[in-house]
Amino acid sequence: MSRPPYDPPTEADITAVSAQLGREARGVVGIAARASDGSPAVVATAPRLPDGSPFPTFYYLCHPEAVAAASRLEAAGVMVEYNDLLAEDEAVRAQYLRAHAQYIEDRSSVGDVPELAGVSAGGMPNRVKCLHALIGHALAAGPGVNPIGDIAIERAGLTL
């Protein structure tokens, strides 16, 4: 698979992401998804931050509306339901495993960090841990790649 297409971040993008996060954006290598108004929704983050620490969350959800939607779903406890779905549905489980592999491949296109070998984000490939990471991956990769991220986006009624 080739490197995922993302826009290189501009100074305006970094300023916008920093404002969205309420802190300085770190290690941003690209804008992996944008809202309909052009604002950053998901950033692609270097697997090693400028301070040297490993950072497994390659696709980082930054758009406030999307972050709030993920938080609402997590607070409602839907992760239990999604973990049950993974346990019960072989097709979803297989697709989630492929999403995990793609996530690692995408991150590796930017750089390999030995401490992150085999680690993706959001609990992949065996469980659902963080909907922020899974929604970020689904928005960046597009529909049909991360089944749990897709389900969460639909359930939240998220339209950016």
N, C-alpha and C. Protein backbone atom coordinates (compact mmCIF):
# COMPACT_ATOMS: atom_id res chain seq x y z
N MET A 1 0.85 -1.18 0.00
CA MET A 1 0.00 0.00 0.00
C MET A 1 0.89 1.23 0.00
N SER A 2 0.49 2.23 -0.76
CA SER A 2 1.26 3.46 -0.80
C SER A 2 0.92 4.33 0.40
N ARG A 3 1.74 5.32 0.58
CA ARG A 3 1.51 6.26 1.69
C ARG A 3 0.14 6.92 1.54
N PRO A 4 -0.60 7.01 2.61
CA PRO A 4 -1.92 7.63 2.53
C PRO A 4 -1.82 9.09 2.09
N PRO A 5 -2.80 9.54 1.35
CA PRO A 5 -2.74 10.94 0.92
C PRO A 5 -3.20 11.87 2.03
N TYR A 6 -2.35 12.74 2.44
CA TYR A 6 -2.77 13.80 3.33
C TYR A 6 -2.07 15.07 2.92
N ASP A 7 -2.74 16.16 3.27
CA ASP A 7 -2.17 17.47 2.98
C ASP A 7 -1.03 17.74 3.95
N PRO A 8 0.07 18.28 3.45
CA PRO A 8 1.08 18.73 4.41
C PRO A 8 0.49 19.87 5.23
N PRO A 9 0.81 19.94 6.50
CA PRO A 9 0.21 21.00 7.32
C PRO A 9 0.81 22.36 7.01
N THR A 10 -0.05 23.35 6.94
CA THR A 10 0.41 24.73 6.79
C THR A 10 0.54 25.34 8.19
N GLU A 11 1.12 26.52 8.23
CA GLU A 11 1.18 27.22 9.52
C GLU A 11 -0.22 27.47 10.05
N ALA A 12 -1.15 27.80 9.14
CA ALA A 12 -2.54 28.04 9.56
C ALA A 12 -3.16 26.76 10.12
N ASP A 13 -2.83 25.61 9.52
CA ASP A 13 -3.34 24.34 10.04
C ASP A 13 -2.82 24.08 11.46
N ILE A 14 -1.54 24.29 11.66
CA ILE A 14 -0.95 24.04 12.99
C ILE A 14 -1.56 24.99 14.01
N THR A 15 -1.77 26.23 13.62
CA THR A 15 -2.42 27.20 14.52
C THR A 15 -3.84 26.74 14.85
N ALA A 16 -4.58 26.28 13.82
CA ALA A 16 -5.96 25.82 14.04
C ALA A 16 -5.99 24.59 14.93
N VAL A 17 -5.11 23.62 14.68
CA VAL A 17 -5.08 22.40 15.49
C VAL A 17 -4.71 22.74 16.93
N SER A 18 -3.74 23.62 17.11
CA SER A 18 -3.35 24.03 18.46
C SER A 18 -4.53 24.66 19.19
N ALA A 19 -5.30 25.50 18.49
CA ALA A 19 -6.49 26.11 19.09
C ALA A 19 -7.54 25.05 19.41
N GLN A 20 -7.73 24.09 18.51
CA GLN A 20 -8.70 23.02 18.75
C GLN A 20 -8.33 22.22 19.99
N LEU A 21 -7.05 21.93 20.14
CA LEU A 21 -6.58 21.09 21.24
C LEU A 21 -6.40 21.87 22.54
N GLY A 22 -6.26 23.17 22.44
CA GLY A 22 -5.99 23.98 23.62
C GLY A 22 -4.57 23.84 24.11
N ARG A 23 -3.70 23.42 23.23
CA ARG A 23 -2.26 23.28 23.52
C ARG A 23 -1.53 23.25 22.19
N GLU A 24 -0.22 23.38 22.26
CA GLU A 24 0.58 23.35 21.03
C GLU A 24 0.47 21.97 20.36
N ALA A 25 0.18 21.98 19.07
CA ALA A 25 0.16 20.73 18.30
C ALA A 25 1.59 20.24 18.17
N ARG A 26 1.78 18.93 18.38
CA ARG A 26 3.13 18.35 18.34
C ARG A 26 3.21 17.27 17.28
N GLY A 27 4.28 17.25 16.54
CA GLY A 27 4.59 16.15 15.64
C GLY A 27 3.65 15.99 14.45
N VAL A 28 2.91 17.01 14.10
CA VAL A 28 1.95 16.89 12.99
C VAL A 28 2.70 16.79 11.67
N VAL A 29 2.46 15.70 10.94
CA VAL A 29 3.09 15.51 9.63
C VAL A 29 2.10 15.71 8.49
N GLY A 30 0.81 15.76 8.82
CA GLY A 30 -0.18 15.96 7.78
C GLY A 30 -1.56 16.17 8.34
N ILE A 31 -2.44 16.68 7.49
CA ILE A 31 -3.85 16.78 7.83
C ILE A 31 -4.53 15.62 7.12
N ALA A 32 -4.95 14.64 7.90
CA ALA A 32 -5.46 13.38 7.35
C ALA A 32 -6.93 13.44 6.99
N ALA A 33 -7.66 14.36 7.58
CA ALA A 33 -9.08 14.57 7.23
C ALA A 33 -9.45 15.99 7.60
N ARG A 34 -10.34 16.55 6.80
CA ARG A 34 -10.81 17.91 7.04
C ARG A 34 -12.33 17.92 7.15
N ALA A 35 -12.84 18.88 7.89
CA ALA A 35 -14.28 19.12 7.95
C ALA A 35 -14.70 19.80 6.66
N SER A 36 -16.00 19.89 6.43
CA SER A 36 -16.50 20.49 5.20
C SER A 36 -16.08 21.95 5.04
N ASP A 37 -15.79 22.62 6.14
CA ASP A 37 -15.34 24.02 6.07
C ASP A 37 -13.83 24.13 5.85
N GLY A 38 -13.16 23.00 5.69
CA GLY A 38 -11.72 22.99 5.45
C GLY A 38 -10.86 22.92 6.70
N SER A 39 -11.47 23.04 7.86
CA SER A 39 -10.69 22.98 9.10
C SER A 39 -10.20 21.55 9.34
N PRO A 40 -9.06 21.41 10.02
CA PRO A 40 -8.54 20.07 10.31
C PRO A 40 -9.51 19.29 11.20
N ALA A 41 -9.72 18.02 10.85
CA ALA A 41 -10.54 17.13 11.67
C ALA A 41 -9.68 16.03 12.29
N VAL A 42 -8.68 15.58 11.54
CA VAL A 42 -7.77 14.53 11.99
C VAL A 42 -6.37 14.89 11.51
N VAL A 43 -5.41 14.80 12.41
CA VAL A 43 -4.02 15.01 12.00
C VAL A 43 -3.30 13.67 11.96
N ALA A 44 -2.33 13.59 11.07
CA ALA A 44 -1.39 12.47 11.07
C ALA A 44 -0.19 12.94 11.89
N THR A 45 0.18 12.14 12.87
CA THR A 45 1.21 12.54 13.82
C THR A 45 2.42 11.61 13.70
N ALA A 46 3.58 12.18 13.76
CA ALA A 46 4.82 11.40 13.69
C ALA A 46 4.82 10.35 14.80
N PRO A 47 5.33 9.15 14.51
CA PRO A 47 5.36 8.11 15.53
C PRO A 47 6.37 8.38 16.65
N ARG A 48 7.22 9.34 16.45
CA ARG A 48 8.11 9.80 17.54
C ARG A 48 7.99 11.31 17.59
N LEU A 49 7.56 11.81 18.74
CA LEU A 49 7.37 13.25 18.90
C LEU A 49 8.72 13.97 18.96
N PRO A 50 8.71 15.27 18.76
CA PRO A 50 9.97 16.03 18.78
C PRO A 50 10.80 15.84 20.05
N ASP A 51 10.14 15.55 21.18
CA ASP A 51 10.89 15.34 22.43
C ASP A 51 11.47 13.93 22.53
N GLY A 52 11.23 13.09 21.49
CA GLY A 52 11.79 11.74 21.46
C GLY A 52 10.86 10.65 21.94
N SER A 53 9.73 11.02 22.52
CA SER A 53 8.83 10.00 23.04
C SER A 53 8.02 9.35 21.92
N PRO A 54 7.81 8.03 22.02
CA PRO A 54 6.99 7.34 21.01
C PRO A 54 5.53 7.76 21.14
N PHE A 55 4.85 7.84 19.99
CA PHE A 55 3.46 8.28 19.97
C PHE A 55 2.68 7.36 19.05
N PRO A 56 1.93 6.40 19.61
CA PRO A 56 1.26 5.41 18.76
C PRO A 56 0.06 5.92 17.99
N THR A 57 -0.55 7.02 18.43
CA THR A 57 -1.78 7.49 17.79
C THR A 57 -1.44 8.30 16.55
N PHE A 58 -1.29 7.60 15.43
CA PHE A 58 -0.93 8.24 14.17
C PHE A 58 -2.06 9.15 13.69
N TYR A 59 -3.29 8.66 13.73
CA TYR A 59 -4.45 9.47 13.33
C TYR A 59 -5.07 10.03 14.61
N TYR A 60 -4.89 11.33 14.81
CA TYR A 60 -5.31 11.97 16.05
C TYR A 60 -6.50 12.88 15.77
N LEU A 61 -7.61 12.56 16.39
CA LEU A 61 -8.85 13.33 16.23
C LEU A 61 -8.69 14.69 16.90
N CYS A 62 -8.91 15.77 16.16
CA CYS A 62 -8.70 17.10 16.73
C CYS A 62 -9.91 18.02 16.61
N HIS A 63 -10.83 17.74 15.73
CA HIS A 63 -11.98 18.63 15.53
C HIS A 63 -12.88 18.58 16.77
N PRO A 64 -13.18 19.71 17.39
CA PRO A 64 -13.95 19.71 18.64
C PRO A 64 -15.29 18.97 18.56
N GLU A 65 -16.01 19.11 17.46
CA GLU A 65 -17.29 18.42 17.31
C GLU A 65 -17.09 16.90 17.30
N ALA A 66 -16.06 16.45 16.60
CA ALA A 66 -15.79 15.01 16.54
C ALA A 66 -15.30 14.49 17.89
N VAL A 67 -14.45 15.25 18.55
CA VAL A 67 -13.96 14.86 19.87
C VAL A 67 -15.13 14.74 20.84
N ALA A 68 -16.04 15.72 20.81
CA ALA A 68 -17.20 15.69 21.69
C ALA A 68 -18.10 14.50 21.38
N ALA A 69 -18.28 14.18 20.11
CA ALA A 69 -19.11 13.04 19.72
C ALA A 69 -18.51 11.74 20.24
N ALA A 70 -17.19 11.58 20.10
CA ALA A 70 -16.53 10.38 20.61
C ALA A 70 -16.67 10.29 22.13
N SER A 71 -16.51 11.41 22.80
CA SER A 71 -16.63 11.43 24.26
C SER A 71 -18.04 11.06 24.71
N ARG A 72 -19.05 11.56 24.01
CA ARG A 72 -20.44 11.22 24.36
C ARG A 72 -20.68 9.71 24.22
N LEU A 73 -20.18 9.14 23.13
CA LEU A 73 -20.36 7.69 22.94
C LEU A 73 -19.64 6.90 24.03
N GLU A 74 -18.43 7.30 24.34
CA GLU A 74 -17.68 6.61 25.40
C GLU A 74 -18.40 6.72 26.74
N ALA A 75 -18.91 7.91 27.04
CA ALA A 75 -19.63 8.12 28.30
C ALA A 75 -20.91 7.29 28.37
N ALA A 76 -21.50 7.01 27.21
CA ALA A 76 -22.71 6.19 27.16
C ALA A 76 -22.40 4.70 27.26
N GLY A 77 -21.12 4.35 27.24
CA GLY A 77 -20.73 2.95 27.42
C GLY A 77 -20.85 2.06 26.19
N VAL A 78 -20.87 2.67 25.01
CA VAL A 78 -21.05 1.85 23.81
C VAL A 78 -19.87 0.94 23.51
N MET A 79 -18.74 1.17 24.14
CA MET A 79 -17.58 0.32 23.89
C MET A 79 -17.86 -1.12 24.30
N VAL A 80 -18.66 -1.32 25.33
CA VAL A 80 -19.05 -2.68 25.72
C VAL A 80 -19.80 -3.35 24.57
N GLU A 81 -20.74 -2.64 24.00
CA GLU A 81 -21.51 -3.15 22.86
C GLU A 81 -20.59 -3.45 21.67
N TYR A 82 -19.65 -2.56 21.39
CA TYR A 82 -18.74 -2.77 20.26
C TYR A 82 -17.78 -3.93 20.52
N ASN A 83 -17.35 -4.10 21.76
CA ASN A 83 -16.53 -5.27 22.09
C ASN A 83 -17.32 -6.56 21.92
N ASP A 84 -18.59 -6.54 22.31
CA ASP A 84 -19.46 -7.71 22.09
C ASP A 84 -19.59 -8.01 20.60
N LEU A 85 -19.74 -6.97 19.80
CA LEU A 85 -19.83 -7.15 18.35
C LEU A 85 -18.57 -7.80 17.81
N LEU A 86 -17.42 -7.36 18.26
CA LEU A 86 -16.16 -7.98 17.83
C LEU A 86 -16.10 -9.45 18.21
N ALA A 87 -16.57 -9.77 19.40
CA ALA A 87 -16.53 -11.15 19.87
C ALA A 87 -17.49 -12.04 19.08
N GLU A 88 -18.60 -11.46 18.62
CA GLU A 88 -19.65 -12.26 18.01
C GLU A 88 -19.63 -12.30 16.49
N ASP A 89 -19.06 -11.31 15.84
CA ASP A 89 -19.15 -11.18 14.39
C ASP A 89 -17.78 -11.38 13.75
N GLU A 90 -17.61 -12.53 13.13
CA GLU A 90 -16.31 -12.87 12.53
C GLU A 90 -15.91 -11.91 11.42
N ALA A 91 -16.88 -11.46 10.63
CA ALA A 91 -16.57 -10.54 9.52
C ALA A 91 -16.07 -9.19 10.06
N VAL A 92 -16.73 -8.68 11.08
CA VAL A 92 -16.30 -7.42 11.68
C VAL A 92 -14.92 -7.59 12.29
N ARG A 93 -14.72 -8.71 12.97
CA ARG A 93 -13.42 -8.98 13.60
C ARG A 93 -12.31 -9.02 12.55
N ALA A 94 -12.56 -9.67 11.41
CA ALA A 94 -11.57 -9.77 10.34
C ALA A 94 -11.27 -8.38 9.75
N GLN A 95 -12.32 -7.60 9.55
CA GLN A 95 -12.13 -6.25 9.00
C GLN A 95 -11.36 -5.37 9.99
N TYR A 96 -11.64 -5.53 11.27
CA TYR A 96 -10.95 -4.76 12.31
C TYR A 96 -9.47 -5.13 12.34
N LEU A 97 -9.17 -6.40 12.15
CA LEU A 97 -7.77 -6.84 12.09
C LEU A 97 -7.07 -6.21 10.88
N ARG A 98 -7.76 -6.15 9.74
CA ARG A 98 -7.19 -5.49 8.55
C ARG A 98 -6.98 -4.00 8.82
N ALA A 99 -7.92 -3.37 9.53
CA ALA A 99 -7.77 -1.96 9.87
C ALA A 99 -6.53 -1.74 10.73
N HIS A 100 -6.32 -2.64 11.68
CA HIS A 100 -5.13 -2.58 12.54
C HIS A 100 -3.86 -2.63 11.70
N ALA A 101 -3.81 -3.58 10.76
CA ALA A 101 -2.63 -3.73 9.91
C ALA A 101 -2.42 -2.48 9.04
N GLN A 102 -3.51 -1.93 8.52
CA GLN A 102 -3.39 -0.74 7.69
C GLN A 102 -2.90 0.44 8.52
N TYR A 103 -3.40 0.57 9.73
CA TYR A 103 -2.98 1.66 10.61
C TYR A 103 -1.47 1.61 10.83
N ILE A 104 -0.97 0.43 11.13
CA ILE A 104 0.47 0.27 11.36
C ILE A 104 1.24 0.58 10.09
N GLU A 105 0.74 0.14 8.96
CA GLU A 105 1.39 0.41 7.68
C GLU A 105 1.43 1.91 7.39
N ASP A 106 0.31 2.58 7.63
CA ASP A 106 0.26 4.02 7.41
C ASP A 106 1.28 4.74 8.30
N ARG A 107 1.31 4.37 9.57
CA ARG A 107 2.25 5.02 10.50
C ARG A 107 3.69 4.71 10.09
N SER A 108 3.95 3.47 9.67
CA SER A 108 5.30 3.09 9.27
C SER A 108 5.77 3.83 8.03
N SER A 109 4.84 4.34 7.23
CA SER A 109 5.23 5.11 6.05
C SER A 109 5.91 6.42 6.44
N VAL A 110 5.70 6.84 7.68
CA VAL A 110 6.30 8.07 8.19
C VAL A 110 7.57 7.78 8.97
N GLY A 111 7.62 6.63 9.63
CA GLY A 111 8.79 6.26 10.40
C GLY A 111 8.51 5.07 11.30
N ASP A 112 9.53 4.28 11.52
CA ASP A 112 9.40 3.12 12.41
C ASP A 112 9.95 3.47 13.78
N VAL A 113 9.21 3.09 14.78
CA VAL A 113 9.62 3.27 16.16
C VAL A 113 9.53 1.90 16.82
N PRO A 114 10.66 1.28 17.15
CA PRO A 114 10.65 -0.09 17.67
C PRO A 114 9.71 -0.30 18.86
N GLU A 115 9.57 0.72 19.71
CA GLU A 115 8.71 0.59 20.89
C GLU A 115 7.24 0.41 20.49
N LEU A 116 6.88 0.77 19.26
CA LEU A 116 5.50 0.69 18.81
C LEU A 116 5.23 -0.51 17.89
N ALA A 117 6.22 -1.36 17.73
CA ALA A 117 6.07 -2.50 16.83
C ALA A 117 4.81 -3.30 17.18
N GLY A 118 3.94 -3.48 16.21
CA GLY A 118 2.73 -4.27 16.39
C GLY A 118 1.60 -3.56 17.12
N VAL A 119 1.83 -2.32 17.54
CA VAL A 119 0.82 -1.56 18.28
C VAL A 119 0.17 -0.55 17.34
N SER A 120 -1.16 -0.54 17.31
CA SER A 120 -1.85 0.49 16.53
C SER A 120 -2.48 1.46 17.52
N ALA A 121 -3.80 1.55 17.55
CA ALA A 121 -4.45 2.50 18.46
C ALA A 121 -5.89 2.08 18.69
N GLY A 122 -6.47 2.60 19.73
CA GLY A 122 -7.89 2.39 19.98
C GLY A 122 -8.27 1.01 20.46
N GLY A 123 -7.26 0.17 20.76
CA GLY A 123 -7.54 -1.19 21.20
C GLY A 123 -7.42 -2.22 20.09
N MET A 124 -7.23 -1.76 18.85
CA MET A 124 -7.10 -2.70 17.74
C MET A 124 -5.92 -3.64 18.01
N PRO A 125 -5.97 -4.87 17.60
CA PRO A 125 -7.02 -5.51 16.83
C PRO A 125 -8.01 -6.33 17.66
N ASN A 126 -7.83 -6.37 18.97
CA ASN A 126 -8.61 -7.32 19.78
C ASN A 126 -9.77 -6.73 20.56
N ARG A 127 -9.76 -5.42 20.77
CA ARG A 127 -10.82 -4.83 21.58
C ARG A 127 -11.04 -3.39 21.17
N VAL A 128 -12.09 -2.80 21.72
CA VAL A 128 -12.40 -1.40 21.49
C VAL A 128 -12.07 -0.67 22.79
N LYS A 129 -11.09 0.22 22.71
CA LYS A 129 -10.64 0.93 23.90
C LYS A 129 -10.88 2.43 23.81
N CYS A 130 -10.61 3.03 22.64
CA CYS A 130 -10.69 4.49 22.51
C CYS A 130 -11.39 4.85 21.20
N LEU A 131 -12.61 5.35 21.32
CA LEU A 131 -13.36 5.72 20.12
C LEU A 131 -12.78 6.95 19.44
N HIS A 132 -12.08 7.80 20.17
CA HIS A 132 -11.44 8.96 19.55
C HIS A 132 -10.45 8.48 18.49
N ALA A 133 -9.63 7.49 18.83
CA ALA A 133 -8.64 6.96 17.88
C ALA A 133 -9.31 6.25 16.72
N LEU A 134 -10.37 5.50 17.00
CA LEU A 134 -11.03 4.72 15.95
C LEU A 134 -11.82 5.61 15.00
N ILE A 135 -12.46 6.64 15.52
CA ILE A 135 -13.15 7.60 14.67
C ILE A 135 -12.12 8.37 13.84
N GLY A 136 -11.03 8.76 14.46
CA GLY A 136 -9.97 9.45 13.71
C GLY A 136 -9.46 8.60 12.56
N HIS A 137 -9.24 7.32 12.81
CA HIS A 137 -8.79 6.42 11.74
C HIS A 137 -9.83 6.31 10.65
N ALA A 138 -11.08 6.13 11.04
CA ALA A 138 -12.15 5.99 10.05
C ALA A 138 -12.31 7.25 9.20
N LEU A 139 -12.21 8.42 9.80
CA LEU A 139 -12.31 9.66 9.03
C LEU A 139 -11.13 9.82 8.08
N ALA A 140 -9.94 9.44 8.53
CA ALA A 140 -8.74 9.58 7.70
C ALA A 140 -8.73 8.55 6.56
N ALA A 141 -9.07 7.31 6.87
CA ALA A 141 -8.98 6.23 5.89
C ALA A 141 -10.17 6.17 4.96
N GLY A 142 -11.30 6.71 5.40
CA GLY A 142 -12.52 6.67 4.61
C GLY A 142 -13.39 5.49 4.98
N PRO A 143 -14.64 5.52 4.57
CA PRO A 143 -15.59 4.45 4.92
C PRO A 143 -15.11 3.08 4.43
N GLY A 144 -15.43 2.06 5.25
CA GLY A 144 -15.14 0.69 4.86
C GLY A 144 -13.80 0.16 5.32
N VAL A 145 -13.00 0.97 5.99
CA VAL A 145 -11.69 0.51 6.45
C VAL A 145 -11.76 0.07 7.91
N ASN A 146 -12.24 0.94 8.78
CA ASN A 146 -12.31 0.62 10.21
C ASN A 146 -13.78 0.46 10.59
N PRO A 147 -14.24 -0.78 10.75
CA PRO A 147 -15.68 -0.99 10.97
C PRO A 147 -16.20 -0.37 12.26
N ILE A 148 -15.41 -0.40 13.31
CA ILE A 148 -15.88 0.17 14.58
C ILE A 148 -15.90 1.69 14.48
N GLY A 149 -14.89 2.29 13.87
CA GLY A 149 -14.90 3.72 13.65
C GLY A 149 -16.09 4.14 12.80
N ASP A 150 -16.39 3.37 11.75
CA ASP A 150 -17.54 3.68 10.89
C ASP A 150 -18.85 3.61 11.67
N ILE A 151 -19.01 2.58 12.47
CA ILE A 151 -20.23 2.40 13.27
C ILE A 151 -20.37 3.55 14.27
N ALA A 152 -19.26 3.94 14.88
CA ALA A 152 -19.29 5.03 15.87
C ALA A 152 -19.67 6.35 15.19
N ILE A 153 -19.11 6.61 14.02
CA ILE A 153 -19.43 7.84 13.29
C ILE A 153 -20.93 7.87 12.97
N GLU A 154 -21.45 6.76 12.50
CA GLU A 154 -22.88 6.69 12.17
C GLU A 154 -23.73 6.87 13.41
N ARG A 155 -23.37 6.18 14.46
CA ARG A 155 -24.16 6.25 15.70
C ARG A 155 -24.17 7.64 16.29
N ALA A 156 -23.04 8.34 16.17
CA ALA A 156 -22.94 9.69 16.71
C ALA A 156 -23.63 10.71 15.79
N GLY A 157 -23.98 10.28 14.59
CA GLY A 157 -24.57 11.22 13.64
C GLY A 157 -23.57 12.29 13.23
N LEU A 158 -22.30 11.92 13.23
CA LEU A 158 -21.23 12.86 12.99
C LEU A 158 -21.13 13.21 11.51
N THR A 159 -21.32 14.44 11.21
CA THR A 159 -21.12 14.97 9.86
C THR A 159 -20.29 16.23 9.99
N LEU A 160 -19.14 16.19 9.46
CA LEU A 160 -18.27 17.35 9.54
C LEU A 160 -18.32 18.02 8.21
